Amino acid sequence: KGAINTLNDLSIPVEVHVFSAHRTPKQACDFASNAK
């Protein structure tokens, strides 16, 4: 939440997700691959 609040204070759009490197590796990798 500290990071979210700081980014909001700077008017930088932020998106938050829960992904596990071990329990949701496919979803984490898909997110990273498409992030740009």
Full PDB file with SEQRES, HELIX, SHEET, SSBOND, CRYST1, ORIGX, SCALE, CONECT and MASTER records, all heavy atoms in Angstrom:
SEQRES   1 A   36  LYS GLY ALA ILE ASN THR LEU ASN ASP LEU SER ILE PRO          
SEQRES   2 A   36  VAL GLU VAL HIS VAL PHE SER ALA HIS ARG THR PRO LYS          
SEQRES   3 A   36  GLN ALA CYS ASP PHE ALA SER ASN ALA LYS                      
HELIX    1 AA1 GLY A    2  ASP A    9  1                                   8    
HELIX    2 AA2 PRO A   25  ASN A   34  1                                  10    
CRYST1    1.000    1.000    1.000  90.00  90.00  90.00 P 1           1          
ORIGX1      1.000000  0.000000  0.000000        0.00000                         
ORIGX2      0.000000  1.000000  0.000000        0.00000                         
ORIGX3      0.000000  0.000000  1.000000        0.00000                         
SCALE1      1.000000  0.000000  0.000000        0.00000                         
SCALE2      0.000000  1.000000  0.000000        0.00000                         
SCALE3      0.000000  0.000000  1.000000        0.00000                         
ATOM      1  N   LYS A   1       0.823  -1.219   0.000  1.00  0.00           N  
ATOM      2  CA  LYS A   1       0.000   0.000   0.000  1.00  0.00           C  
ATOM      3  C   LYS A   1       0.853   1.264   0.000  1.00  0.00           C  
ATOM      4  O   LYS A   1       0.455   2.283  -0.567  1.00  0.00           O  
ATOM      5  CB  LYS A   1      -0.958  -0.001   1.192  1.00  0.00           C  
ATOM      6  CG  LYS A   1      -2.177  -0.861   0.959  1.00  0.00           C  
ATOM      7  CD  LYS A   1      -3.177  -0.735   2.096  1.00  0.00           C  
ATOM      8  CE  LYS A   1      -4.388  -1.604   1.794  1.00  0.00           C  
ATOM      9  NZ  LYS A   1      -5.378  -1.551   2.861  1.00  0.00           N  
ATOM     10  N   GLY A   2       2.035   1.209   0.615  1.00  0.00           N  
ATOM     11  CA  GLY A   2       2.927   2.366   0.582  1.00  0.00           C  
ATOM     12  C   GLY A   2       3.302   2.748  -0.839  1.00  0.00           C  
ATOM     13  O   GLY A   2       3.324   3.934  -1.195  1.00  0.00           O  
ATOM     14  N   ALA A   3       3.590   1.770  -1.677  1.00  0.00           N  
ATOM     15  CA  ALA A   3       3.935   2.033  -3.074  1.00  0.00           C  
ATOM     16  C   ALA A   3       2.718   2.545  -3.845  1.00  0.00           C  
ATOM     17  O   ALA A   3       2.826   3.480  -4.643  1.00  0.00           O  
ATOM     18  CB  ALA A   3       4.480   0.771  -3.742  1.00  0.00           C  
ATOM     19  N   ILE A   4       1.574   1.939  -3.596  1.00  0.00           N  
ATOM     20  CA  ILE A   4       0.347   2.375  -4.278  1.00  0.00           C  
ATOM     21  C   ILE A   4       0.067   3.837  -3.947  1.00  0.00           C  
ATOM     22  O   ILE A   4      -0.204   4.646  -4.843  1.00  0.00           O  
ATOM     23  CB  ILE A   4      -0.842   1.480  -3.869  1.00  0.00           C  
ATOM     24  CG1 ILE A   4      -0.619   0.035  -4.333  1.00  0.00           C  
ATOM     25  CG2 ILE A   4      -2.158   2.037  -4.429  1.00  0.00           C  
ATOM     26  CD1 ILE A   4      -1.570  -0.972  -3.707  1.00  0.00           C  
ATOM     27  N   ASN A   5       0.144   4.186  -2.663  1.00  0.00           N  
ATOM     28  CA  ASN A   5      -0.130   5.564  -2.249  1.00  0.00           C  
ATOM     29  C   ASN A   5       0.871   6.544  -2.854  1.00  0.00           C  
ATOM     30  O   ASN A   5       0.487   7.633  -3.303  1.00  0.00           O  
ATOM     31  CB  ASN A   5      -0.120   5.672  -0.721  1.00  0.00           C  
ATOM     32  CG  ASN A   5      -1.255   4.922  -0.086  1.00  0.00           C  
ATOM     33  OD1 ASN A   5      -2.280   4.637  -0.723  1.00  0.00           O  
ATOM     34  ND2 ASN A   5      -1.096   4.565   1.172  1.00  0.00           N  
ATOM     35  N   THR A   6       2.143   6.174  -2.877  1.00  0.00           N  
ATOM     36  CA  THR A   6       3.162   7.061  -3.453  1.00  0.00           C  
ATOM     37  C   THR A   6       2.912   7.280  -4.934  1.00  0.00           C  
ATOM     38  O   THR A   6       2.981   8.418  -5.421  1.00  0.00           O  
ATOM     39  CB  THR A   6       4.575   6.490  -3.208  1.00  0.00           C  
ATOM     40  OG1 THR A   6       4.797   6.414  -1.795  1.00  0.00           O  
ATOM     41  CG2 THR A   6       5.651   7.352  -3.841  1.00  0.00           C  
ATOM     42  N   LEU A   7       2.614   6.224  -5.668  1.00  0.00           N  
ATOM     43  CA  LEU A   7       2.337   6.368  -7.101  1.00  0.00           C  
ATOM     44  C   LEU A   7       1.079   7.196  -7.328  1.00  0.00           C  
ATOM     45  O   LEU A   7       1.042   8.042  -8.235  1.00  0.00           O  
ATOM     46  CB  LEU A   7       2.221   4.990  -7.759  1.00  0.00           C  
ATOM     47  CG  LEU A   7       3.545   4.217  -7.825  1.00  0.00           C  
ATOM     48  CD1 LEU A   7       3.298   2.768  -8.191  1.00  0.00           C  
ATOM     49  CD2 LEU A   7       4.521   4.876  -8.792  1.00  0.00           C  
ATOM     50  N   ASN A   8       0.054   6.977  -6.520  1.00  0.00           N  
ATOM     51  CA  ASN A   8      -1.159   7.794  -6.635  1.00  0.00           C  
ATOM     52  C   ASN A   8      -0.855   9.259  -6.371  1.00  0.00           C  
ATOM     53  O   ASN A   8      -1.357  10.143  -7.071  1.00  0.00           O  
ATOM     54  CB  ASN A   8      -2.245   7.289  -5.687  1.00  0.00           C  
ATOM     55  CG  ASN A   8      -2.910   6.016  -6.182  1.00  0.00           C  
ATOM     56  OD1 ASN A   8      -2.926   5.731  -7.372  1.00  0.00           O  
ATOM     57  ND2 ASN A   8      -3.447   5.246  -5.262  1.00  0.00           N  
ATOM     58  N   ASP A   9      -0.030   9.540  -5.350  1.00  0.00           N  
ATOM     59  CA  ASP A   9       0.350  10.923  -5.039  1.00  0.00           C  
ATOM     60  C   ASP A   9       1.064  11.587  -6.210  1.00  0.00           C  
ATOM     61  O   ASP A   9       0.974  12.799  -6.396  1.00  0.00           O  
ATOM     62  CB  ASP A   9       1.260  10.977  -3.805  1.00  0.00           C  
ATOM     63  CG  ASP A   9       0.525  10.666  -2.510  1.00  0.00           C  
ATOM     64  OD1 ASP A   9      -0.733  10.656  -2.503  1.00  0.00           O  
ATOM     65  OD2 ASP A   9       1.221  10.426  -1.496  1.00  0.00           O  
ATOM     66  N   LEU A  10       1.784  10.794  -6.999  1.00  0.00           N  
ATOM     67  CA  LEU A  10       2.514  11.313  -8.157  1.00  0.00           C  
ATOM     68  C   LEU A  10       1.681  11.251  -9.441  1.00  0.00           C  
ATOM     69  O   LEU A  10       2.188  11.525 -10.527  1.00  0.00           O  
ATOM     70  CB  LEU A  10       3.820  10.531  -8.337  1.00  0.00           C  
ATOM     71  CG  LEU A  10       4.857  10.728  -7.234  1.00  0.00           C  
ATOM     72  CD1 LEU A  10       5.962   9.676  -7.338  1.00  0.00           C  
ATOM     73  CD2 LEU A  10       5.426  12.141  -7.291  1.00  0.00           C  
ATOM     74  N   SER A  11       0.414  10.877  -9.324  1.00  0.00           N  
ATOM     75  CA  SER A  11      -0.507  10.762 -10.478  1.00  0.00           C  
ATOM     76  C   SER A  11       0.000   9.793 -11.539  1.00  0.00           C  
ATOM     77  O   SER A  11      -0.185  10.006 -12.735  1.00  0.00           O  
ATOM     78  CB  SER A  11      -0.778  12.141 -11.093  1.00  0.00           C  
ATOM     79  OG  SER A  11      -1.344  13.002 -10.140  1.00  0.00           O  
ATOM     80  N   ILE A  12       0.630   8.732 -11.072  1.00  0.00           N  
ATOM     81  CA  ILE A  12       1.094   7.683 -11.985  1.00  0.00           C  
ATOM     82  C   ILE A  12       0.096   6.536 -11.913  1.00  0.00           C  
ATOM     83  O   ILE A  12      -0.171   6.014 -10.831  1.00  0.00           O  
ATOM     84  CB  ILE A  12       2.510   7.202 -11.605  1.00  0.00           C  
ATOM     85  CG1 ILE A  12       3.508   8.358 -11.753  1.00  0.00           C  
ATOM     86  CG2 ILE A  12       2.925   6.007 -12.456  1.00  0.00           C  
ATOM     87  CD1 ILE A  12       4.896   8.053 -11.231  1.00  0.00           C  
ATOM     88  N   PRO A  13      -0.471   6.140 -13.056  1.00  0.00           N  
ATOM     89  CA  PRO A  13      -1.437   5.045 -13.040  1.00  0.00           C  
ATOM     90  C   PRO A  13      -0.791   3.747 -12.559  1.00  0.00           C  
ATOM     91  O   PRO A  13       0.323   3.410 -12.968  1.00  0.00           O  
ATOM     92  CB  PRO A  13      -1.892   4.905 -14.488  1.00  0.00           C  
ATOM     93  CG  PRO A  13      -1.239   5.996 -15.256  1.00  0.00           C  
ATOM     94  CD  PRO A  13      -0.236   6.672 -14.386  1.00  0.00           C  
ATOM     95  N   VAL A  14      -1.492   3.055 -11.693  1.00  0.00           N  
ATOM     96  CA  VAL A  14      -0.963   1.821 -11.102  1.00  0.00           C  
ATOM     97  C   VAL A  14      -2.020   0.729 -11.201  1.00  0.00           C  
ATOM     98  O   VAL A  14      -3.214   0.985 -11.053  1.00  0.00           O  
ATOM     99  CB  VAL A  14      -0.505   2.057  -9.644  1.00  0.00           C  
ATOM    100  CG1 VAL A  14      -1.648   2.514  -8.765  1.00  0.00           C  
ATOM    101  CG2 VAL A  14       0.158   0.839  -9.064  1.00  0.00           C  
ATOM    102  N   GLU A  15      -1.557  -0.465 -11.471  1.00  0.00           N  
ATOM    103  CA  GLU A  15      -2.424  -1.642 -11.526  1.00  0.00           C  
ATOM    104  C   GLU A  15      -1.807  -2.691 -10.610  1.00  0.00           C  
ATOM    105  O   GLU A  15      -0.596  -2.922 -10.672  1.00  0.00           O  
ATOM    106  CB  GLU A  15      -2.485  -2.140 -12.963  1.00  0.00           C  
ATOM    107  CG  GLU A  15      -3.597  -3.099 -13.254  1.00  0.00           C  
ATOM    108  CD  GLU A  15      -3.714  -3.390 -14.741  1.00  0.00           C  
ATOM    109  OE1 GLU A  15      -3.980  -2.443 -15.524  1.00  0.00           O  
ATOM    110  OE2 GLU A  15      -3.521  -4.571 -15.116  1.00  0.00           O  
ATOM    111  N   VAL A  16      -2.609  -3.308  -9.771  1.00  0.00           N  
ATOM    112  CA  VAL A  16      -2.114  -4.236  -8.756  1.00  0.00           C  
ATOM    113  C   VAL A  16      -2.716  -5.622  -8.991  1.00  0.00           C  
ATOM    114  O   VAL A  16      -3.922  -5.748  -9.223  1.00  0.00           O  
ATOM    115  CB  VAL A  16      -2.475  -3.732  -7.335  1.00  0.00           C  
ATOM    116  CG1 VAL A  16      -1.912  -4.665  -6.273  1.00  0.00           C  
ATOM    117  CG2 VAL A  16      -1.966  -2.311  -7.122  1.00  0.00           C  
ATOM    118  N   HIS A  17      -1.852  -6.647  -8.887  1.00  0.00           N  
ATOM    119  CA  HIS A  17      -2.293  -8.030  -9.077  1.00  0.00           C  
ATOM    120  C   HIS A  17      -1.598  -8.952  -8.082  1.00  0.00           C  
ATOM    121  O   HIS A  17      -0.505  -8.645  -7.610  1.00  0.00           O  
ATOM    122  CB  HIS A  17      -1.959  -8.531 -10.489  1.00  0.00           C  
ATOM    123  CG  HIS A  17      -2.669  -7.807 -11.569  1.00  0.00           C  
ATOM    124  ND1 HIS A  17      -3.962  -8.090 -11.919  1.00  0.00           N  
ATOM    125  CD2 HIS A  17      -2.267  -6.787 -12.375  1.00  0.00           C  
ATOM    126  CE1 HIS A  17      -4.334  -7.292 -12.901  1.00  0.00           C  
ATOM    127  NE2 HIS A  17      -3.320  -6.486 -13.198  1.00  0.00           N  
ATOM    128  N   VAL A  18      -2.203 -10.099  -7.827  1.00  0.00           N  
ATOM    129  CA  VAL A  18      -1.578 -11.174  -7.062  1.00  0.00           C  
ATOM    130  C   VAL A  18      -1.237 -12.283  -8.047  1.00  0.00           C  
ATOM    131  O   VAL A  18      -2.129 -12.854  -8.685  1.00  0.00           O  
ATOM    132  CB  VAL A  18      -2.509 -11.717  -5.949  1.00  0.00           C  
ATOM    133  CG1 VAL A  18      -1.851 -12.897  -5.243  1.00  0.00           C  
ATOM    134  CG2 VAL A  18      -2.860 -10.620  -4.958  1.00  0.00           C  
ATOM    135  N   PHE A  19       0.070 -12.524  -8.206  1.00  0.00           N  
ATOM    136  CA  PHE A  19       0.573 -13.633  -9.013  1.00  0.00           C  
ATOM    137  C   PHE A  19       1.686 -14.296  -8.220  1.00  0.00           C  
ATOM    138  O   PHE A  19       2.520 -13.616  -7.638  1.00  0.00           O  
ATOM    139  CB  PHE A  19       1.160 -13.169 -10.350  1.00  0.00           C  
ATOM    140  CG  PHE A  19       0.176 -12.617 -11.331  1.00  0.00           C  
ATOM    141  CD1 PHE A  19       0.353 -11.352 -11.867  1.00  0.00           C  
ATOM    142  CD2 PHE A  19      -0.916 -13.358 -11.738  1.00  0.00           C  
ATOM    143  CE1 PHE A  19      -0.544 -10.834 -12.788  1.00  0.00           C  
ATOM    144  CE2 PHE A  19      -1.825 -12.854 -12.663  1.00  0.00           C  
ATOM    145  CZ  PHE A  19      -1.635 -11.583 -13.186  1.00  0.00           C  
ATOM    146  N   SER A  20       1.720 -15.587  -8.227  1.00  0.00           N  
ATOM    147  CA  SER A  20       2.768 -16.328  -7.540  1.00  0.00           C  
ATOM    148  C   SER A  20       3.704 -16.953  -8.567  1.00  0.00           C  
ATOM    149  O   SER A  20       3.243 -17.576  -9.533  1.00  0.00           O  
ATOM    150  CB  SER A  20       2.138 -17.426  -6.672  1.00  0.00           C  
ATOM    151  OG  SER A  20       3.129 -18.325  -6.231  1.00  0.00           O  
ATOM    152  N   ALA A  21       4.999 -16.786  -8.336  1.00  0.00           N  
ATOM    153  CA  ALA A  21       5.982 -17.423  -9.222  1.00  0.00           C  
ATOM    154  C   ALA A  21       5.853 -18.935  -9.185  1.00  0.00           C  
ATOM    155  O   ALA A  21       6.169 -19.616 -10.162  1.00  0.00           O  
ATOM    156  CB  ALA A  21       7.390 -17.011  -8.810  1.00  0.00           C  
ATOM    157  N   HIS A  22       5.347 -19.463  -8.067  1.00  0.00           N  
ATOM    158  CA  HIS A  22       5.273 -20.907  -7.879  1.00  0.00           C  
ATOM    159  C   HIS A  22       3.884 -21.490  -8.098  1.00  0.00           C  
ATOM    160  O   HIS A  22       3.750 -22.609  -8.581  1.00  0.00           O  
ATOM    161  CB  HIS A  22       5.761 -21.266  -6.465  1.00  0.00           C  
ATOM    162  CG  HIS A  22       7.109 -20.711  -6.180  1.00  0.00           C  
ATOM    163  ND1 HIS A  22       7.313 -19.651  -5.321  1.00  0.00           N  
ATOM    164  CD2 HIS A  22       8.328 -21.033  -6.671  1.00  0.00           C  
ATOM    165  CE1 HIS A  22       8.602 -19.359  -5.283  1.00  0.00           C  
ATOM    166  NE2 HIS A  22       9.238 -20.179  -6.089  1.00  0.00           N  
ATOM    167  N   ARG A  23       2.847 -20.726  -7.735  1.00  0.00           N  
ATOM    168  CA  ARG A  23       1.487 -21.263  -7.821  1.00  0.00           C  
ATOM    169  C   ARG A  23       0.720 -20.812  -9.061  1.00  0.00           C  
ATOM    170  O   ARG A  23      -0.227 -21.473  -9.468  1.00  0.00           O  
ATOM    171  CB  ARG A  23       0.713 -20.905  -6.547  1.00  0.00           C  
ATOM    172  CG  ARG A  23       1.302 -21.592  -5.308  1.00  0.00           C  
ATOM    173  CD  ARG A  23       0.541 -21.243  -4.046  1.00  0.00           C  
ATOM    174  NE  ARG A  23       0.609 -19.829  -3.717  1.00  0.00           N  
ATOM    175  CZ  ARG A  23       1.524 -19.268  -2.925  1.00  0.00           C  
ATOM    176  NH1 ARG A  23       2.471 -20.022  -2.377  1.00  0.00           N  
ATOM    177  NH2 ARG A  23       1.506 -17.985  -2.682  1.00  0.00           N  
ATOM    178  N   THR A  24       1.125 -19.678  -9.664  1.00  0.00           N  
ATOM    179  CA  THR A  24       0.488 -19.214 -10.909  1.00  0.00           C  
ATOM    180  C   THR A  24       1.568 -18.785 -11.913  1.00  0.00           C  
ATOM    181  O   THR A  24       1.543 -17.668 -12.429  1.00  0.00           O  
ATOM    182  CB  THR A  24      -0.485 -18.035 -10.647  1.00  0.00           C  
ATOM    183  OG1 THR A  24       0.261 -16.948 -10.080  1.00  0.00           O  
ATOM    184  CG2 THR A  24      -1.634 -18.430  -9.744  1.00  0.00           C  
ATOM    185  N   PRO A  25       2.512 -19.660 -12.205  1.00  0.00           N  
ATOM    186  CA  PRO A  25       3.625 -19.249 -13.077  1.00  0.00           C  
ATOM    187  C   PRO A  25       3.182 -18.868 -14.491  1.00  0.00           C  
ATOM    188  O   PRO A  25       3.721 -17.922 -15.066  1.00  0.00           O  
ATOM    189  CB  PRO A  25       4.549 -20.465 -13.086  1.00  0.00           C  
ATOM    190  CG  PRO A  25       3.673 -21.618 -12.712  1.00  0.00           C  
ATOM    191  CD  PRO A  25       2.641 -21.055 -11.781  1.00  0.00           C  
ATOM    192  N   LYS A  26       2.204 -19.561 -15.034  1.00  0.00           N  
ATOM    193  CA  LYS A  26       1.747 -19.241 -16.396  1.00  0.00           C  
ATOM    194  C   LYS A  26       1.143 -17.847 -16.447  1.00  0.00           C  
ATOM    195  O   LYS A  26       1.465 -17.049 -17.332  1.00  0.00           O  
ATOM    196  CB  LYS A  26       0.738 -20.272 -16.890  1.00  0.00           C  
ATOM    197  CG  LYS A  26       0.260 -19.998 -18.311  1.00  0.00           C  
ATOM    198  CD  LYS A  26      -0.798 -20.963 -18.755  1.00  0.00           C  
ATOM    199  CE  LYS A  26      -1.273 -20.749 -20.176  1.00  0.00           C  
ATOM    200  NZ  LYS A  26      -1.334 -19.395 -20.673  1.00  0.00           N  
ATOM    201  N   GLN A  27       0.284 -17.528 -15.479  1.00  0.00           N  
ATOM    202  CA  GLN A  27      -0.355 -16.216 -15.462  1.00  0.00           C  
ATOM    203  C   GLN A  27       0.683 -15.101 -15.240  1.00  0.00           C  
ATOM    204  O   GLN A  27       0.613 -14.041 -15.859  1.00  0.00           O  
ATOM    205  CB  GLN A  27      -1.434 -16.158 -14.377  1.00  0.00           C  
ATOM    206  CG  GLN A  27      -2.640 -17.026 -14.673  1.00  0.00           C  
ATOM    207  CD  GLN A  27      -2.450 -18.503 -14.324  1.00  0.00           C  
ATOM    208  OE1 GLN A  27      -1.395 -18.940 -13.875  1.00  0.00           O  
ATOM    209  NE2 GLN A  27      -3.493 -19.295 -14.555  1.00  0.00           N  
ATOM    210  N   ALA A  28       1.648 -15.350 -14.361  1.00  0.00           N  
ATOM    211  CA  ALA A  28       2.699 -14.361 -14.107  1.00  0.00           C  
ATOM    212  C   ALA A  28       3.520 -14.116 -15.375  1.00  0.00           C  
ATOM    213  O   ALA A  28       3.792 -12.964 -15.738  1.00  0.00           O  
ATOM    214  CB  ALA A  28       3.598 -14.829 -12.963  1.00  0.00           C  
ATOM    215  N   CYS A  29       3.894 -15.194 -16.049  1.00  0.00           N  
ATOM    216  CA  CYS A  29       4.695 -15.066 -17.270  1.00  0.00           C  
ATOM    217  C   CYS A  29       3.907 -14.400 -18.393  1.00  0.00           C  
ATOM    218  O   CYS A  29       4.451 -13.569 -19.132  1.00  0.00           O  
ATOM    219  CB  CYS A  29       5.198 -16.436 -17.715  1.00  0.00           C  
ATOM    220  SG  CYS A  29       6.371 -17.145 -16.539  1.00  0.00           S  
ATOM    221  N   ASP A  30       2.632 -14.743 -18.515  1.00  0.00           N  
ATOM    222  CA  ASP A  30       1.795 -14.102 -19.530  1.00  0.00           C  
ATOM    223  C   ASP A  30       1.684 -12.602 -19.273  1.00  0.00           C  
ATOM    224  O   ASP A  30       1.770 -11.792 -20.206  1.00  0.00           O  
ATOM    225  CB  ASP A  30       0.391 -14.721 -19.555  1.00  0.00           C  
ATOM    226  CG  ASP A  30       0.363 -16.122 -20.156  1.00  0.00           C  
ATOM    227  OD1 ASP A  30       1.366 -16.534 -20.784  1.00  0.00           O  
ATOM    228  OD2 ASP A  30      -0.672 -16.797 -19.995  1.00  0.00           O  
ATOM    229  N   PHE A  31       1.494 -12.224 -18.002  1.00  0.00           N  
ATOM    230  CA  PHE A  31       1.401 -10.806 -17.674  1.00  0.00           C  
ATOM    231  C   PHE A  31       2.684 -10.091 -18.074  1.00  0.00           C  
ATOM    232  O   PHE A  31       2.650  -9.049 -18.732  1.00  0.00           O  
ATOM    233  CB  PHE A  31       1.121 -10.599 -16.179  1.00  0.00           C  
ATOM    234  CG  PHE A  31       0.972  -9.151 -15.819  1.00  0.00           C  
ATOM    235  CD1 PHE A  31      -0.268  -8.544 -15.879  1.00  0.00           C  
ATOM    236  CD2 PHE A  31       2.066  -8.385 -15.467  1.00  0.00           C  
ATOM    237  CE1 PHE A  31      -0.414  -7.196 -15.592  1.00  0.00           C  
ATOM    238  CE2 PHE A  31       1.944  -7.037 -15.171  1.00  0.00           C  
ATOM    239  CZ  PHE A  31       0.695  -6.433 -15.236  1.00  0.00           C  
ATOM    240  N   ALA A  32       3.821 -10.646 -17.678  1.00  0.00           N  
ATOM    241  CA  ALA A  32       5.111 -10.013 -17.977  1.00  0.00           C  
ATOM    242  C   ALA A  32       5.345  -9.919 -19.474  1.00  0.00           C  
ATOM    243  O   ALA A  32       5.816  -8.893 -19.977  1.00  0.00           O  
ATOM    244  CB  ALA A  32       6.235 -10.789 -17.304  1.00  0.00           C  
ATOM    245  N   SER A  33       5.027 -10.966 -20.187  1.00  0.00           N  
ATOM    246  CA  SER A  33       5.257 -10.993 -21.632  1.00  0.00           C  
ATOM    247  C   SER A  33       4.439  -9.937 -22.366  1.00  0.00           C  
ATOM    248  O   SER A  33       4.859  -9.448 -23.423  1.00  0.00           O  
ATOM    249  CB  SER A  33       4.926 -12.371 -22.195  1.00  0.00           C  
ATOM    250  OG  SER A  33       5.796 -13.339 -21.653  1.00  0.00           O  
ATOM    251  N   ASN A  34       3.286  -9.589 -21.837  1.00  0.00           N  
ATOM    252  CA  ASN A  34       2.388  -8.625 -22.484  1.00  0.00           C  
ATOM    253  C   ASN A  34       2.439  -7.233 -21.862  1.00  0.00           C  
ATOM    254  O   ASN A  34       1.770  -6.320 -22.342  1.00  0.00           O  
ATOM    255  CB  ASN A  34       0.949  -9.155 -22.423  1.00  0.00           C  
ATOM    256  CG  ASN A  34       0.785 -10.419 -23.225  1.00  0.00           C  
ATOM    257  OD1 ASN A  34       1.153 -10.474 -24.392  1.00  0.00           O  
ATOM    258  ND2 ASN A  34       0.260 -11.456 -22.601  1.00  0.00           N  
ATOM    259  N   ALA A  35       3.213  -7.045 -20.811  1.00  0.00           N  
ATOM    260  CA  ALA A  35       3.175  -5.794 -20.047  1.00  0.00           C  
ATOM    261  C   ALA A  35       3.536  -4.570 -20.888  1.00  0.00           C  
ATOM    262  O   ALA A  35       2.870  -3.534 -20.786  1.00  0.00           O  
ATOM    263  CB  ALA A  35       4.094  -5.898 -18.828  1.00  0.00           C  
ATOM    264  N   LYS A  36       4.560  -4.659 -21.695  1.00  0.00           N  
ATOM    265  CA  LYS A  36       4.970  -3.510 -22.499  1.00  0.00           C  
ATOM    266  C   LYS A  36       3.857  -3.122 -23.468  1.00  0.00           C  
ATOM    267  O   LYS A  36       3.494  -1.942 -23.561  1.00  0.00           O  
ATOM    268  CB  LYS A  36       6.264  -3.817 -23.246  1.00  0.00           C  
ATOM    269  CG  LYS A  36       6.874  -2.622 -23.922  1.00  0.00           C  
ATOM    270  CD  LYS A  36       8.253  -2.950 -24.473  1.00  0.00           C  
ATOM    271  CE  LYS A  36       8.905  -1.703 -25.021  1.00  0.00           C  
ATOM    272  NZ  LYS A  36      10.254  -1.989 -25.530  1.00  0.00           N  
TER     273      LYS A  36                                                      
MASTER        0    0    0    2    0    0    0    6  272    1    0    3          
END                                                                             
